[in-house]
Amino acid sequence: MSVATVPAQVHATRSWRALLPPATLVRLVILAGLVLFAYWRPIRTNLVGKWLHDGNWSHGWLIPLFSLYFLSTRRDELLRCRPAPNYWGAAILALSLAVYFVSAWQYRMVYPQLVSIVGVILGLTLLLGGLSVIRTAWFPILFLLFAIPLPQAMYVELTMPLRRAASLVAATVMPLFVDGLHTEAQAVIIDYCLPGRPPGQLNVEEACSGMRSIMAFVTLGVAIAYVRQRPWWHRALMLVSCVPIAVFCNAIRVTTTGLLFVTGHDELARGTPHALLGVLMFGIALGSFLLIDYVLGHLWVEVSEDIAVGDAV
């Protein structure tokens, strides 16, 4: 009896030169130059300027590097793509440019201008590369949204509940560590009184809201959830956990800072010691996040079919 042998299918690995021939490279360089020219002012002033001068958005420098790293992890998939123009990309491109010009010239709104940059990149990728390329590149492109600073009004509205939560926790916990201390939280103000000392107030400022930690950890959580291969609900839990972890660590930071002020060690609540306290909280938050990642990864142990059949016999 003859046995037919089926040869294994060999997938030839394409080179970058085959994926991006000289004509395509020239086209990409021209388009990139046109986009940079059109968006130069908002990029220089409202994007890079924020990264340089606003500590809440200093992580923006890392986002494009993360996106490039994500693309490099999908290098083999990109090389297997067969680029074919898809004209839905032209529709996305036209819509993004319309948002840019309307928000820039009519409404003078910065945030939609910056968001439209991501739309332009997405549209160009779909237009030139087609569905095969966009299936691999969509996440690294959309990840760039984390680098775009939120409007100041929206940012303040988001920080206010976090500041109130931190002041309430600090006002509740501080008397447990100092005998005779009486505290009361009024929105973002903590009124305190110690026997033999005049009453005072502590203000939980916007910088202590924890919003910076939340932004950094949501960004990190999304990145890890994308890179690690795990069920979708694992990824969802990892993302949801970023917010309570950041709020918890920020409450510890505000409470510690308040205790230093109340007990007369306010020199330790400013400058370098205060910055080191923030680094310590970042370490605690990162450790908590990795612990959740470890627990999710070890909730169930996968059993192979051979072992299961052997146990059944």
C-alpha atoms as a PDB file:
ATOM      1  CA  MET A   1       0.000   0.000   0.000  1.00  0.00           C
ATOM      2  CA  SER A   2       1.453   3.311  -0.982  1.00  0.00           C
ATOM      3  CA  VAL A   3       1.253   6.242   1.319  1.00  0.00           C
ATOM      4  CA  ALA A   4       0.869   9.632  -0.274  1.00  0.00           C
ATOM      5  CA  THR A   5       3.077  12.234   1.279  1.00  0.00           C
ATOM      6  CA  VAL A   6       1.924  15.806   1.444  1.00  0.00           C
ATOM      7  CA  PRO A   7       4.804  18.252   1.340  1.00  0.00           C
ATOM      8  CA  ALA A   8       4.804  20.853   4.046  1.00  0.00           C
ATOM      9  CA  GLN A   9       3.769  24.231   2.818  1.00  0.00           C
ATOM     10  CA  VAL A  10       6.707  26.576   2.896  1.00  0.00           C
ATOM     11  CA  HIS A  11       5.986  30.226   3.412  1.00  0.00           C
ATOM     12  CA  ALA A  12       8.669  32.263   1.779  1.00  0.00           C
ATOM     13  CA  THR A  13       9.708  35.179   3.903  1.00  0.00           C
ATOM     14  CA  ARG A  14       9.480  38.389   1.960  1.00  0.00           C
ATOM     15  CA  SER A  15      12.002  41.149   2.407  1.00  0.00           C
ATOM     16  CA  TRP A  16      11.305  44.769   3.297  1.00  0.00           C
ATOM     17  CA  ARG A  17      12.441  45.671  -0.223  1.00  0.00           C
ATOM     18  CA  ALA A  18       9.652  43.537  -1.675  1.00  0.00           C
ATOM     19  CA  LEU A  19       7.091  45.046   0.687  1.00  0.00           C
ATOM     20  CA  LEU A  20       8.338  48.606   0.176  1.00  0.00           C
ATOM     21  CA  PRO A  21       9.766  49.027  -3.333  1.00  0.00           C
ATOM     22  CA  PRO A  22      11.527  52.309  -4.199  1.00  0.00           C
ATOM     23  CA  ALA A  23       8.432  53.850  -5.761  1.00  0.00           C
ATOM     24  CA  THR A  24       6.413  53.151  -2.607  1.00  0.00           C
ATOM     25  CA  LEU A  25       9.158  54.560  -0.406  1.00  0.00           C
ATOM     26  CA  VAL A  26       9.273  57.773  -2.411  1.00  0.00           C
ATOM     27  CA  ARG A  27       5.498  58.051  -2.181  1.00  0.00           C
ATOM     28  CA  LEU A  28       5.607  57.517   1.598  1.00  0.00           C
ATOM     29  CA  VAL A  29       8.336  60.135   2.074  1.00  0.00           C
ATOM     30  CA  ILE A  30       6.358  62.688   0.057  1.00  0.00           C
ATOM     31  CA  LEU A  31       3.141  61.981   1.961  1.00  0.00           C
ATOM     32  CA  ALA A  32       4.931  62.106   5.322  1.00  0.00           C
ATOM     33  CA  GLY A  33       6.442  65.464   4.354  1.00  0.00           C
ATOM     34  CA  LEU A  34       3.034  66.832   3.367  1.00  0.00           C
ATOM     35  CA  VAL A  35       1.454  65.659   6.634  1.00  0.00           C
ATOM     36  CA  LEU A  36       4.311  67.143   8.666  1.00  0.00           C
ATOM     37  CA  PHE A  37       3.998  70.416   6.770  1.00  0.00           C
ATOM     38  CA  ALA A  38       0.232  70.610   7.332  1.00  0.00           C
ATOM     39  CA  TYR A  39       0.437  69.694  11.009  1.00  0.00           C
ATOM     40  CA  TRP A  40       3.715  71.390  11.893  1.00  0.00           C
ATOM     41  CA  ARG A  41       2.224  74.100  14.076  1.00  0.00           C
ATOM     42  CA  PRO A  42      -0.038  71.915  16.283  1.00  0.00           C
ATOM     43  CA  ILE A  43       2.687  69.269  16.555  1.00  0.00           C
ATOM     44  CA  ARG A  44       5.347  71.769  17.591  1.00  0.00           C
ATOM     45  CA  THR A  45       3.210  73.898  19.896  1.00  0.00           C
ATOM     46  CA  ASN A  46       0.443  71.708  21.293  1.00  0.00           C
ATOM     47  CA  LEU A  47       2.024  68.267  21.227  1.00  0.00           C
ATOM     48  CA  VAL A  48       5.804  68.467  21.656  1.00  0.00           C
ATOM     49  CA  GLY A  49       5.409  71.633  23.719  1.00  0.00           C
ATOM     50  CA  LYS A  50       3.162  69.775  26.179  1.00  0.00           C
ATOM     51  CA  TRP A  51       5.579  66.866  26.360  1.00  0.00           C
ATOM     52  CA  LEU A  52       8.402  69.242  27.195  1.00  0.00           C
ATOM     53  CA  HIS A  53       6.752  71.573  29.701  1.00  0.00           C
ATOM     54  CA  ASP A  54       3.845  69.648  31.250  1.00  0.00           C
ATOM     55  CA  GLY A  55       4.826  66.780  33.552  1.00  0.00           C
ATOM     56  CA  ASN A  56       1.377  65.249  33.197  1.00  0.00           C
ATOM     57  CA  TRP A  57       2.163  64.456  29.564  1.00  0.00           C
ATOM     58  CA  SER A  58       5.915  63.848  29.683  1.00  0.00           C
ATOM     59  CA  HIS A  59       5.242  60.179  28.870  1.00  0.00           C
ATOM     60  CA  GLY A  60       4.190  61.301  25.377  1.00  0.00           C
ATOM     61  CA  TRP A  61       7.762  60.910  24.166  1.00  0.00           C
ATOM     62  CA  LEU A  62       7.560  57.161  24.779  1.00  0.00           C
ATOM     63  CA  ILE A  63       4.307  56.509  22.931  1.00  0.00           C
ATOM     64  CA  PRO A  64       5.704  56.655  19.357  1.00  0.00           C
ATOM     65  CA  LEU A  65       8.583  54.403  20.468  1.00  0.00           C
ATOM     66  CA  PHE A  66       6.078  51.911  21.870  1.00  0.00           C
ATOM     67  CA  SER A  67       4.162  52.000  18.586  1.00  0.00           C
ATOM     68  CA  LEU A  68       7.326  51.258  16.628  1.00  0.00           C
ATOM     69  CA  TYR A  69       8.098  48.407  19.021  1.00  0.00           C
ATOM     70  CA  PHE A  70       4.616  46.957  18.520  1.00  0.00           C
ATOM     71  CA  LEU A  71       5.158  47.062  14.767  1.00  0.00           C
ATOM     72  CA  SER A  72       8.520  45.314  15.157  1.00  0.00           C
ATOM     73  CA  THR A  73       6.877  42.491  17.122  1.00  0.00           C
ATOM     74  CA  ARG A  74       4.581  41.927  14.113  1.00  0.00           C
ATOM     75  CA  ARG A  75       7.423  42.087  11.600  1.00  0.00           C
ATOM     76  CA  ASP A  76       6.756  38.628  10.137  1.00  0.00           C
ATOM     77  CA  GLU A  77       3.066  39.393   9.715  1.00  0.00           C
ATOM     78  CA  LEU A  78       3.879  42.645   7.942  1.00  0.00           C
ATOM     79  CA  LEU A  79       6.274  40.900   5.595  1.00  0.00           C
ATOM     80  CA  ARG A  80       3.559  38.409   4.658  1.00  0.00           C
ATOM     81  CA  CYS A  81       1.131  41.201   3.758  1.00  0.00           C
ATOM     82  CA  ARG A  82       0.136  41.785   0.151  1.00  0.00           C
ATOM     83  CA  PRO A  83      -0.419  45.544  -0.125  1.00  0.00           C
ATOM     84  CA  ALA A  84      -3.403  46.518  -2.224  1.00  0.00           C
ATOM     85  CA  PRO A  85      -4.991  49.993  -2.249  1.00  0.00           C
ATOM     86  CA  ASN A  86      -8.265  50.265  -0.375  1.00  0.00           C
ATOM     87  CA  TYR A  87     -10.236  53.406  -1.129  1.00  0.00           C
ATOM     88  CA  TRP A  88     -12.016  53.416   2.213  1.00  0.00           C
ATOM     89  CA  GLY A  89      -8.703  54.823   3.363  1.00  0.00           C
ATOM     90  CA  ALA A  90      -9.322  57.838   1.160  1.00  0.00           C
ATOM     91  CA  ALA A  91     -12.644  58.406   2.946  1.00  0.00           C
ATOM     92  CA  ILE A  92     -10.960  58.231   6.372  1.00  0.00           C
ATOM     93  CA  LEU A  93      -8.222  60.557   5.126  1.00  0.00           C
ATOM     94  CA  ALA A  94     -10.723  63.093   3.777  1.00  0.00           C
ATOM     95  CA  LEU A  95     -12.765  63.008   6.995  1.00  0.00           C
ATOM     96  CA  SER A  96      -9.656  63.480   9.150  1.00  0.00           C
ATOM     97  CA  LEU A  97      -8.469  66.433   7.076  1.00  0.00           C
ATOM     98  CA  ALA A  98     -11.945  67.970   7.241  1.00  0.00           C
ATOM     99  CA  VAL A  99     -11.892  67.668  11.047  1.00  0.00           C
ATOM    100  CA  TYR A 100      -8.474  69.299  11.083  1.00  0.00           C
ATOM    101  CA  PHE A 101      -9.375  72.298   8.939  1.00  0.00           C
ATOM    102  CA  VAL A 102     -12.758  72.885  10.606  1.00  0.00           C
ATOM    103  CA  SER A 103     -11.321  72.671  14.127  1.00  0.00           C
ATOM    104  CA  ALA A 104      -8.292  74.795  13.181  1.00  0.00           C
ATOM    105  CA  TRP A 105      -9.903  77.589  11.187  1.00  0.00           C
ATOM    106  CA  GLN A 106     -13.493  77.744  12.408  1.00  0.00           C
ATOM    107  CA  TYR A 107     -13.641  76.546  16.013  1.00  0.00           C
ATOM    108  CA  ARG A 108      -9.987  77.001  17.079  1.00  0.00           C
ATOM    109  CA  MET A 109     -10.019  73.669  18.937  1.00  0.00           C
ATOM    110  CA  VAL A 110      -6.645  72.023  19.460  1.00  0.00           C
ATOM    111  CA  TYR A 111      -7.615  68.517  20.575  1.00  0.00           C
ATOM    112  CA  PRO A 112      -9.543  67.533  17.400  1.00  0.00           C
ATOM    113  CA  GLN A 113      -6.609  68.783  15.330  1.00  0.00           C
ATOM    114  CA  LEU A 114      -4.215  66.453  17.119  1.00  0.00           C
ATOM    115  CA  VAL A 115      -6.616  63.502  17.005  1.00  0.00           C
ATOM    116  CA  SER A 116      -7.025  64.001  13.264  1.00  0.00           C
ATOM    117  CA  ILE A 117      -3.293  63.296  12.853  1.00  0.00           C
ATOM    118  CA  VAL A 118      -3.928  59.718  13.958  1.00  0.00           C
ATOM    119  CA  GLY A 119      -6.873  59.545  11.559  1.00  0.00           C
ATOM    120  CA  VAL A 120      -4.654  60.728   8.698  1.00  0.00           C
ATOM    121  CA  ILE A 121      -2.048  58.044   9.473  1.00  0.00           C
ATOM    122  CA  LEU A 122      -4.754  55.392   9.687  1.00  0.00           C
ATOM    123  CA  GLY A 123      -6.346  56.525   6.427  1.00  0.00           C
ATOM    124  CA  LEU A 124      -3.055  56.617   4.541  1.00  0.00           C
ATOM    125  CA  THR A 125      -2.120  53.158   5.801  1.00  0.00           C
ATOM    126  CA  LEU A 126      -5.441  51.716   4.643  1.00  0.00           C
ATOM    127  CA  LEU A 127      -5.311  53.594   1.334  1.00  0.00           C
ATOM    128  CA  LEU A 128      -1.801  52.430   0.439  1.00  0.00           C
ATOM    129  CA  GLY A 129      -1.557  49.083   2.196  1.00  0.00           C
ATOM    130  CA  GLY A 130      -5.098  47.802   2.228  1.00  0.00           C
ATOM    131  CA  LEU A 131      -6.811  45.498   4.694  1.00  0.00           C
ATOM    132  CA  SER A 132      -3.897  43.092   5.061  1.00  0.00           C
ATOM    133  CA  VAL A 133      -1.633  45.847   6.367  1.00  0.00           C
ATOM    134  CA  ILE A 134      -4.246  47.607   8.509  1.00  0.00           C
ATOM    135  CA  ARG A 135      -5.089  44.337  10.322  1.00  0.00           C
ATOM    136  CA  THR A 136      -1.515  44.297  11.614  1.00  0.00           C
ATOM    137  CA  ALA A 137      -0.878  48.011  12.053  1.00  0.00           C
ATOM    138  CA  TRP A 138      -4.178  49.305  13.483  1.00  0.00           C
ATOM    139  CA  PHE A 139      -3.225  48.977  17.142  1.00  0.00           C
ATOM    140  CA  PRO A 140       0.216  50.667  16.925  1.00  0.00           C
ATOM    141  CA  ILE A 141      -1.464  53.527  15.053  1.00  0.00           C
ATOM    142  CA  LEU A 142      -4.367  53.981  17.490  1.00  0.00           C
ATOM    143  CA  PHE A 143      -1.944  53.674  20.420  1.00  0.00           C
ATOM    144  CA  LEU A 144      -0.634  57.106  19.398  1.00  0.00           C
ATOM    145  CA  LEU A 145      -3.827  58.582  20.888  1.00  0.00           C
ATOM    146  CA  PHE A 146      -2.283  58.133  24.357  1.00  0.00           C
ATOM    147  CA  ALA A 147       0.335  60.750  23.432  1.00  0.00           C
ATOM    148  CA  ILE A 148      -2.266  63.452  22.752  1.00  0.00           C
ATOM    149  CA  PRO A 149      -2.881  65.759  25.750  1.00  0.00           C
ATOM    150  CA  LEU A 150      -6.489  66.087  26.841  1.00  0.00           C
ATOM    151  CA  PRO A 151      -8.122  69.531  26.769  1.00  0.00           C
ATOM    152  CA  GLN A 152      -7.410  71.450  29.977  1.00  0.00           C
ATOM    153  CA  ALA A 153     -11.092  71.752  30.907  1.00  0.00           C
ATOM    154  CA  MET A 154     -11.612  68.009  30.512  1.00  0.00           C
ATOM    155  CA  TYR A 155      -8.434  67.295  32.455  1.00  0.00           C
ATOM    156  CA  VAL A 156      -9.556  69.482  35.377  1.00  0.00           C
ATOM    157  CA  GLU A 157     -12.988  67.826  35.413  1.00  0.00           C
ATOM    158  CA  LEU A 158     -11.343  64.401  35.555  1.00  0.00           C
ATOM    159  CA  THR A 159      -8.903  65.366  38.313  1.00  0.00           C
ATOM    160  CA  MET A 160     -11.503  66.899  40.626  1.00  0.00           C
ATOM    161  CA  PRO A 161     -13.110  63.583  41.755  1.00  0.00           C
ATOM    162  CA  LEU A 162      -9.643  62.110  42.252  1.00  0.00           C
ATOM    163  CA  ARG A 163      -8.566  65.050  44.412  1.00  0.00           C
ATOM    164  CA  ARG A 164     -11.733  64.756  46.502  1.00  0.00           C
ATOM    165  CA  ALA A 165     -11.194  61.030  46.985  1.00  0.00           C
ATOM    166  CA  ALA A 166      -7.576  61.576  48.039  1.00  0.00           C
ATOM    167  CA  SER A 167      -8.516  64.315  50.524  1.00  0.00           C
ATOM    168  CA  LEU A 168     -11.310  62.174  52.020  1.00  0.00           C
ATOM    169  CA  VAL A 169      -9.027  59.156  52.494  1.00  0.00           C
ATOM    170  CA  ALA A 170      -6.242  61.297  53.947  1.00  0.00           C
ATOM    171  CA  ALA A 171      -8.615  63.034  56.370  1.00  0.00           C
ATOM    172  CA  THR A 172      -9.909  59.652  57.531  1.00  0.00           C
ATOM    173  CA  VAL A 173      -6.532  57.937  57.933  1.00  0.00           C
ATOM    174  CA  MET A 174      -4.314  60.717  59.329  1.00  0.00           C
ATOM    175  CA  PRO A 175      -5.888  60.800  62.847  1.00  0.00           C
ATOM    176  CA  LEU A 176      -5.034  57.108  63.209  1.00  0.00           C
ATOM    177  CA  PHE A 177      -1.337  57.993  63.236  1.00  0.00           C
ATOM    178  CA  VAL A 178      -1.305  61.231  65.277  1.00  0.00           C
ATOM    179  CA  ASP A 179      -2.861  61.404  68.760  1.00  0.00           C
ATOM    180  CA  GLY A 180      -5.323  64.258  69.207  1.00  0.00           C
ATOM    181  CA  LEU A 181      -5.416  65.154  65.525  1.00  0.00           C
ATOM    182  CA  HIS A 182      -8.819  66.173  64.204  1.00  0.00           C
ATOM    183  CA  THR A 183      -9.356  66.428  60.457  1.00  0.00           C
ATOM    184  CA  GLU A 184     -12.246  67.233  58.162  1.00  0.00           C
ATOM    185  CA  ALA A 185     -12.317  67.090  54.369  1.00  0.00           C
ATOM    186  CA  GLN A 186     -14.032  69.919  52.530  1.00  0.00           C
ATOM    187  CA  ALA A 187     -13.893  69.040  48.850  1.00  0.00           C
ATOM    188  CA  VAL A 188     -10.135  69.233  48.127  1.00  0.00           C
ATOM    189  CA  ILE A 189      -9.271  71.049  51.374  1.00  0.00           C
ATOM    190  CA  ILE A 190      -8.365  69.210  54.607  1.00  0.00           C
ATOM    191  CA  ASP A 191      -8.919  71.217  57.784  1.00  0.00           C
ATOM    192  CA  TYR A 192      -6.821  69.936  60.703  1.00  0.00           C
ATOM    193  CA  CYS A 193      -6.347  70.828  64.334  1.00  0.00           C
ATOM    194  CA  LEU A 194      -3.816  69.644  66.917  1.00  0.00           C
ATOM    195  CA  PRO A 195      -3.923  70.452  70.659  1.00  0.00           C
ATOM    196  CA  GLY A 196      -1.672  73.404  71.454  1.00  0.00           C
ATOM    197  CA  ARG A 197      -1.343  74.465  67.811  1.00  0.00           C
ATOM    198  CA  PRO A 198      -3.420  76.802  65.657  1.00  0.00           C
ATOM    199  CA  PRO A 199      -5.701  75.087  63.112  1.00  0.00           C
ATOM    200  CA  GLY A 200      -4.456  74.735  59.578  1.00  0.00           C
ATOM    201  CA  GLN A 201      -5.437  73.614  56.103  1.00  0.00           C
ATOM    202  CA  LEU A 202      -3.975  71.256  53.529  1.00  0.00           C
ATOM    203  CA  ASN A 203      -4.856  71.649  49.866  1.00  0.00           C
ATOM    204  CA  VAL A 204      -4.799  68.601  47.595  1.00  0.00           C
ATOM    205  CA  GLU A 205      -3.540  70.310  44.456  1.00  0.00           C
ATOM    206  CA  GLU A 206      -4.177  69.266  40.881  1.00  0.00           C
ATOM    207  CA  ALA A 207      -0.667  67.805  40.657  1.00  0.00           C
ATOM    208  CA  CYS A 208      -1.538  65.437  43.515  1.00  0.00           C
ATOM    209  CA  SER A 209      -4.761  64.193  41.921  1.00  0.00           C
ATOM    210  CA  GLY A 210      -3.175  60.983  40.672  1.00  0.00           C
ATOM    211  CA  MET A 211      -4.258  61.682  37.093  1.00  0.00           C
ATOM    212  CA  ARG A 212      -0.658  61.441  35.933  1.00  0.00           C
ATOM    213  CA  SER A 213      -0.379  57.964  37.462  1.00  0.00           C
ATOM    214  CA  ILE A 214      -3.661  56.877  35.929  1.00  0.00           C
ATOM    215  CA  MET A 215      -2.612  58.036  32.460  1.00  0.00           C
ATOM    216  CA  ALA A 216       0.769  56.325  32.752  1.00  0.00           C
ATOM    217  CA  PHE A 217      -0.667  53.054  34.029  1.00  0.00           C
ATOM    218  CA  VAL A 218      -3.570  52.883  31.603  1.00  0.00           C
ATOM    219  CA  THR A 219      -1.034  53.353  28.822  1.00  0.00           C
ATOM    220  CA  LEU A 220       1.194  50.655  30.299  1.00  0.00           C
ATOM    221  CA  GLY A 221      -1.768  48.355  30.876  1.00  0.00           C
ATOM    222  CA  VAL A 222      -2.953  48.665  27.284  1.00  0.00           C
ATOM    223  CA  ALA A 223       0.570  47.972  26.045  1.00  0.00           C
ATOM    224  CA  ILE A 224       1.000  44.846  28.179  1.00  0.00           C
ATOM    225  CA  ALA A 225      -2.493  43.597  27.343  1.00  0.00           C
ATOM    226  CA  TYR A 226      -1.648  43.902  23.648  1.00  0.00           C
ATOM    227  CA  VAL A 227       1.763  42.242  23.802  1.00  0.00           C
ATOM    228  CA  ARG A 228       0.822  39.346  26.085  1.00  0.00           C
ATOM    229  CA  GLN A 229      -1.262  36.566  24.545  1.00  0.00           C
ATOM    230  CA  ARG A 230      -4.136  35.944  26.966  1.00  0.00           C
ATOM    231  CA  PRO A 231      -7.975  35.764  27.003  1.00  0.00           C
ATOM    232  CA  TRP A 232      -9.847  38.980  26.307  1.00  0.00           C
ATOM    233  CA  TRP A 233     -11.341  39.119  29.795  1.00  0.00           C
ATOM    234  CA  HIS A 234      -7.832  38.915  31.310  1.00  0.00           C
ATOM    235  CA  ARG A 235      -6.928  41.959  29.288  1.00  0.00           C
ATOM    236  CA  ALA A 236     -10.113  43.747  30.345  1.00  0.00           C
ATOM    237  CA  LEU A 237      -9.423  43.074  34.043  1.00  0.00           C
ATOM    238  CA  MET A 238      -5.834  44.274  33.672  1.00  0.00           C
ATOM    239  CA  LEU A 239      -7.040  47.529  32.146  1.00  0.00           C
ATOM    240  CA  VAL A 240      -9.790  48.077  34.730  1.00  0.00           C
ATOM    241  CA  SER A 241      -7.353  47.455  37.595  1.00  0.00           C
ATOM    242  CA  CYS A 242      -5.108  50.337  36.495  1.00  0.00           C
ATOM    243  CA  VAL A 243      -7.481  53.010  37.801  1.00  0.00           C
ATOM    244  CA  PRO A 244      -8.068  51.677  41.373  1.00  0.00           C
ATOM    245  CA  ILE A 245      -4.373  50.875  41.764  1.00  0.00           C
ATOM    246  CA  ALA A 246      -3.388  54.416  40.796  1.00  0.00           C
ATOM    247  CA  VAL A 247      -6.069  55.934  43.062  1.00  0.00           C
ATOM    248  CA  PHE A 248      -4.989  53.735  45.996  1.00  0.00           C
ATOM    249  CA  CYS A 249      -1.307  54.625  45.617  1.00  0.00           C
ATOM    250  CA  ASN A 250      -2.131  58.302  45.239  1.00  0.00           C
ATOM    251  CA  ALA A 251      -4.170  58.194  48.473  1.00  0.00           C
ATOM    252  CA  ILE A 252      -1.127  56.765  50.244  1.00  0.00           C
ATOM    253  CA  ARG A 253       1.009  59.565  48.826  1.00  0.00           C
ATOM    254  CA  VAL A 254      -1.400  62.334  49.862  1.00  0.00           C
ATOM    255  CA  THR A 255      -1.818  60.840  53.339  1.00  0.00           C
ATOM    256  CA  THR A 256       1.940  60.556  53.848  1.00  0.00           C
ATOM    257  CA  THR A 257       2.489  64.107  52.645  1.00  0.00           C
ATOM    258  CA  GLY A 258      -0.246  65.403  54.957  1.00  0.00           C
ATOM    259  CA  LEU A 259       1.241  63.594  57.949  1.00  0.00           C
ATOM    260  CA  LEU A 260       4.642  65.140  57.240  1.00  0.00           C
ATOM    261  CA  PHE A 261       3.127  68.632  57.186  1.00  0.00           C
ATOM    262  CA  VAL A 262       1.031  68.124  60.301  1.00  0.00           C
ATOM    263  CA  THR A 263       3.883  66.692  62.362  1.00  0.00           C
ATOM    264  CA  GLY A 264       6.252  69.520  61.464  1.00  0.00           C
ATOM    265  CA  HIS A 265       8.385  67.655  58.902  1.00  0.00           C
ATOM    266  CA  ASP A 266       7.208  69.704  55.942  1.00  0.00           C
ATOM    267  CA  GLU A 267      10.772  69.870  54.556  1.00  0.00           C
ATOM    268  CA  LEU A 268      10.354  66.169  53.706  1.00  0.00           C
ATOM    269  CA  ALA A 269       7.153  66.919  51.779  1.00  0.00           C
ATOM    270  CA  ARG A 270       8.835  69.160  49.225  1.00  0.00           C
ATOM    271  CA  GLY A 271      11.494  68.936  46.576  1.00  0.00           C
ATOM    272  CA  THR A 272      13.566  65.778  46.225  1.00  0.00           C
ATOM    273  CA  PRO A 273      11.988  63.798  49.121  1.00  0.00           C
ATOM    274  CA  HIS A 274       8.530  64.460  47.671  1.00  0.00           C
ATOM    275  CA  ALA A 275       9.702  63.320  44.234  1.00  0.00           C
ATOM    276  CA  LEU A 276      11.220  60.167  45.753  1.00  0.00           C
ATOM    277  CA  LEU A 277       7.896  59.464  47.452  1.00  0.00           C
ATOM    278  CA  GLY A 278       6.243  59.614  44.045  1.00  0.00           C
ATOM    279  CA  VAL A 279       8.807  57.143  42.654  1.00  0.00           C
ATOM    280  CA  LEU A 280       8.080  54.821  45.583  1.00  0.00           C
ATOM    281  CA  MET A 281       4.355  54.975  44.868  1.00  0.00           C
ATOM    282  CA  PHE A 282       5.059  54.205  41.230  1.00  0.00           C
ATOM    283  CA  GLY A 283       6.981  51.109  42.354  1.00  0.00           C
ATOM    284  CA  ILE A 284       4.102  49.995  44.590  1.00  0.00           C
ATOM    285  CA  ALA A 285       1.605  50.509  41.770  1.00  0.00           C
ATOM    286  CA  LEU A 286       3.772  48.615  39.297  1.00  0.00           C
ATOM    287  CA  GLY A 287       4.200  45.763  41.776  1.00  0.00           C
ATOM    288  CA  SER A 288       0.410  45.621  42.294  1.00  0.00           C
ATOM    289  CA  PHE A 289      -0.174  45.558  38.554  1.00  0.00           C
ATOM    290  CA  LEU A 290       2.351  42.750  38.033  1.00  0.00           C
ATOM    291  CA  LEU A 291       0.780  40.807  40.922  1.00  0.00           C
ATOM    292  CA  ILE A 292      -2.622  40.984  39.223  1.00  0.00           C
ATOM    293  CA  ASP A 293      -0.984  39.889  35.975  1.00  0.00           C
ATOM    294  CA  TYR A 294       0.607  36.912  37.763  1.00  0.00           C
ATOM    295  CA  VAL A 295      -2.646  35.901  39.493  1.00  0.00           C
ATOM    296  CA  LEU A 296      -4.604  36.058  36.233  1.00  0.00           C
ATOM    297  CA  GLY A 297      -1.954  33.972  34.528  1.00  0.00           C
ATOM    298  CA  HIS A 298      -2.140  31.238  37.177  1.00  0.00           C
ATOM    299  CA  LEU A 299      -5.880  31.013  37.820  1.00  0.00           C
ATOM    300  CA  TRP A 300      -6.142  27.870  35.678  1.00  0.00           C
ATOM    301  CA  VAL A 301      -3.565  25.367  34.503  1.00  0.00           C
ATOM    302  CA  GLU A 302      -4.119  24.092  31.005  1.00  0.00           C
ATOM    303  CA  VAL A 303      -4.141  20.289  30.793  1.00  0.00           C
ATOM    304  CA  SER A 304      -3.259  18.619  27.503  1.00  0.00           C
ATOM    305  CA  GLU A 305      -5.693  16.168  25.926  1.00  0.00           C
ATOM    306  CA  ASP A 306      -3.268  13.250  26.330  1.00  0.00           C
ATOM    307  CA  ILE A 307      -3.050  13.772  30.089  1.00  0.00           C
ATOM    308  CA  ALA A 308      -6.811  14.142  30.388  1.00  0.00           C
ATOM    309  CA  VAL A 309      -7.389  10.871  28.496  1.00  0.00           C
ATOM    310  CA  GLY A 310      -4.786   9.080  30.603  1.00  0.00           C
ATOM    311  CA  ASP A 311      -6.443  10.213  33.825  1.00  0.00           C
ATOM    312  CA  ALA A 312      -9.826   9.092  32.539  1.00  0.00           C
ATOM    313  CA  VAL A 313      -8.483   5.598  31.759  1.00  0.00           C
END
